[in-house]
C-alpha atoms as a PDB file:
ATOM      1  CA  UNK A   1     -42.601  -4.516 -10.194  1.00  0.00           C
ATOM      2  CA  UNK A   2     -41.497  -1.858  -7.669  1.00  0.00           C
ATOM      3  CA  UNK A   3     -43.863  -3.160  -4.851  1.00  0.00           C
ATOM      4  CA  UNK A   4     -42.510  -7.102  -4.717  1.00  0.00           C
ATOM      5  CA  UNK A   5     -39.087  -5.775  -4.918  1.00  0.00           C
ATOM      6  CA  UNK A   6     -39.504  -3.410  -2.132  1.00  0.00           C
ATOM      7  CA  UNK A   7     -41.746  -5.843  -0.212  1.00  0.00           C
ATOM      8  CA  UNK A   8     -38.685  -8.525  -0.661  1.00  0.00           C
ATOM      9  CA  UNK A   9     -35.854  -5.909   0.649  1.00  0.00           C
ATOM     10  CA  UNK A  10     -38.232  -4.821   3.352  1.00  0.00           C
ATOM     11  CA  UNK A  11     -37.969  -0.983   2.515  1.00  0.00           C
ATOM     12  CA  UNK A  12     -37.016   0.685  -0.719  1.00  0.00           C
ATOM     13  CA  UNK A  13     -34.144  -0.020  -2.725  1.00  0.00           C
ATOM     14  CA  UNK A  14     -32.024   3.720  -2.320  1.00  0.00           C
ATOM     15  CA  UNK A  15     -32.721   2.999   1.199  1.00  0.00           C
ATOM     16  CA  UNK A  16     -31.825  -0.734   1.593  1.00  0.00           C
ATOM     17  CA  UNK A  17     -28.082   0.256  -0.257  1.00  0.00           C
ATOM     18  CA  UNK A  18     -27.648   2.442   2.678  1.00  0.00           C
ATOM     19  CA  UNK A  19     -28.337   0.330   5.338  1.00  0.00           C
ATOM     20  CA  UNK A  20     -26.159  -2.403   4.193  1.00  0.00           C
ATOM     21  CA  UNK A  21     -23.380   0.556   3.056  1.00  0.00           C
ATOM     22  CA  UNK A  22     -23.477   1.132   7.146  1.00  0.00           C
ATOM     23  CA  UNK A  23     -24.084  -2.236   8.422  1.00  0.00           C
ATOM     24  CA  UNK A  24     -21.054  -3.305   6.137  1.00  0.00           C
ATOM     25  CA  UNK A  25     -18.764  -0.190   7.008  1.00  0.00           C
ATOM     26  CA  UNK A  26     -19.413  -1.244  10.931  1.00  0.00           C
ATOM     27  CA  UNK A  27     -18.853  -5.183  10.427  1.00  0.00           C
ATOM     28  CA  UNK A  28     -15.770  -4.349   8.711  1.00  0.00           C
ATOM     29  CA  UNK A  29     -14.179  -1.983  11.032  1.00  0.00           C
ATOM     30  CA  UNK A  30     -14.593  -4.353  14.158  1.00  0.00           C
ATOM     31  CA  UNK A  31     -13.584  -7.773  11.688  1.00  0.00           C
ATOM     32  CA  UNK A  32     -10.380  -5.175  11.446  1.00  0.00           C
ATOM     33  CA  UNK A  33     -10.262  -4.841  14.747  1.00  0.00           C
ATOM     34  CA  UNK A  34      -9.978  -8.551  15.575  1.00  0.00           C
ATOM     35  CA  UNK A  35      -7.880  -9.415  12.343  1.00  0.00           C
ATOM     36  CA  UNK A  36     -10.455 -11.029  11.205  1.00  0.00           C
ATOM     37  CA  UNK A  37     -10.746 -11.967   7.753  1.00  0.00           C
ATOM     38  CA  UNK A  38     -12.983 -13.551   5.081  1.00  0.00           C
ATOM     39  CA  UNK A  39     -10.164 -16.024   4.235  1.00  0.00           C
ATOM     40  CA  UNK A  40      -9.446 -16.668   7.918  1.00  0.00           C
ATOM     41  CA  UNK A  41     -12.666 -17.957   8.417  1.00  0.00           C
ATOM     42  CA  UNK A  42     -13.007 -20.281   4.836  1.00  0.00           C
ATOM     43  CA  UNK A  43      -9.733 -21.402   6.463  1.00  0.00           C
ATOM     44  CA  UNK A  44     -11.059 -22.444   9.986  1.00  0.00           C
ATOM     45  CA  UNK A  45     -14.394 -23.810   8.331  1.00  0.00           C
ATOM     46  CA  UNK A  46     -11.978 -26.033   5.683  1.00  0.00           C
ATOM     47  CA  UNK A  47     -10.616 -27.218   8.789  1.00  0.00           C
ATOM     48  CA  UNK A  48     -12.861 -27.607  10.635  1.00  0.00           C
ATOM     49  CA  UNK A  49     -14.736 -29.914   8.340  1.00  0.00           C
ATOM     50  CA  UNK A  50     -11.399 -31.682   7.752  1.00  0.00           C
ATOM     51  CA  UNK A  51     -10.711 -32.722  11.225  1.00  0.00           C
ATOM     52  CA  UNK A  52     -14.310 -33.558  11.427  1.00  0.00           C
ATOM     53  CA  UNK A  53     -13.624 -35.769   8.574  1.00  0.00           C
ATOM     54  CA  UNK A  54     -10.608 -37.936   9.288  1.00  0.00           C
ATOM     55  CA  UNK A  55     -11.207 -38.118  13.223  1.00  0.00           C
ATOM     56  CA  UNK A  56     -14.371 -40.087  12.350  1.00  0.00           C
ATOM     57  CA  UNK A  57     -12.893 -42.043   9.985  1.00  0.00           C
ATOM     58  CA  UNK A  58     -10.483 -42.954  12.908  1.00  0.00           C
ATOM     59  CA  UNK A  59     -12.765 -43.376  14.865  1.00  0.00           C
ATOM     60  CA  UNK A  60     -14.519 -46.012  12.650  1.00  0.00           C
ATOM     61  CA  UNK A  61     -11.240 -47.945  12.364  1.00  0.00           C
ATOM     62  CA  UNK A  62     -10.923 -48.610  16.379  1.00  0.00           C
ATOM     63  CA  UNK A  63     -14.129 -50.036  16.038  1.00  0.00           C
ATOM     64  CA  UNK A  64     -12.787 -52.917  15.221  1.00  0.00           C
ATOM     65  CA  UNK A  65     -10.591 -53.049  18.718  1.00  0.00           C
ATOM     66  CA  UNK A  66     -13.519 -52.198  20.900  1.00  0.00           C
ATOM     67  CA  UNK A  67     -14.954 -54.859  19.311  1.00  0.00           C
ATOM     68  CA  UNK A  68     -12.334 -57.136  19.945  1.00  0.00           C
ATOM     69  CA  UNK A  69     -11.943 -55.492  23.759  1.00  0.00           C
ATOM     70  CA  UNK A  70     -15.404 -55.961  24.870  1.00  0.00           C
ATOM     71  CA  UNK A  71     -15.734 -59.776  22.987  1.00  0.00           C
ATOM     72  CA  UNK A  72     -13.092 -60.886  25.484  1.00  0.00           C
ATOM     73  CA  UNK A  73     -15.197 -60.171  28.303  1.00  0.00           C
ATOM     74  CA  UNK A  74     -18.497 -60.112  26.774  1.00  0.00           C
ATOM     75  CA  UNK A  75     -17.743 -64.275  25.664  1.00  0.00           C
ATOM     76  CA  UNK A  76     -16.708 -65.656  28.608  1.00  0.00           C
ATOM     77  CA  UNK A  77     -19.601 -64.418  30.672  1.00  0.00           C
ATOM     78  CA  UNK A  78     -21.746 -65.362  27.829  1.00  0.00           C
ATOM     79  CA  UNK A  79     -20.281 -69.303  27.710  1.00  0.00           C
ATOM     80  CA  UNK A  80     -20.304 -69.435  31.736  1.00  0.00           C
ATOM     81  CA  UNK A  81     -24.313 -68.111  31.710  1.00  0.00           C
ATOM     82  CA  UNK A  82     -25.060 -70.262  29.282  1.00  0.00           C
ATOM     83  CA  UNK A  83     -23.760 -73.316  31.154  1.00  0.00           C
ATOM     84  CA  UNK A  84     -24.639 -71.903  34.363  1.00  0.00           C
ATOM     85  CA  UNK A  85     -28.509 -72.303  32.352  1.00  0.00           C
ATOM     86  CA  UNK A  86     -27.837 -75.741  30.999  1.00  0.00           C
ATOM     87  CA  UNK A  87     -27.187 -77.244  35.024  1.00  0.00           C
ATOM     88  CA  UNK A  88     -30.580 -76.177  36.154  1.00  0.00           C
END
C-alpha cells in the first residue's frame, strides 16, 4: 500500500507534503503581490463563459440578417446566369 502511494505521489508522503507547502507559500506570495485572489479567477472564468455564451447566440441571431443580405445579391445573379444559360 505504501509503495503505491509513494509511486502516486512521486516521493514519500512527508517530502511531498513539505514540497506542497513550500510551493503553496510561494504561489500565495506571488498572487498577493499581484493582488489576485481565487474568487477573482473564478469570477473571470465565469464572466468569460457567459460572454462567449451570449455573443455566440447573438451571432446566431444575425444569421438571418446575413442570409437576407447575401440573398439580395446572390439570387438575382443566379437568375441572370440561368437566363443567359437558357439562351444557349
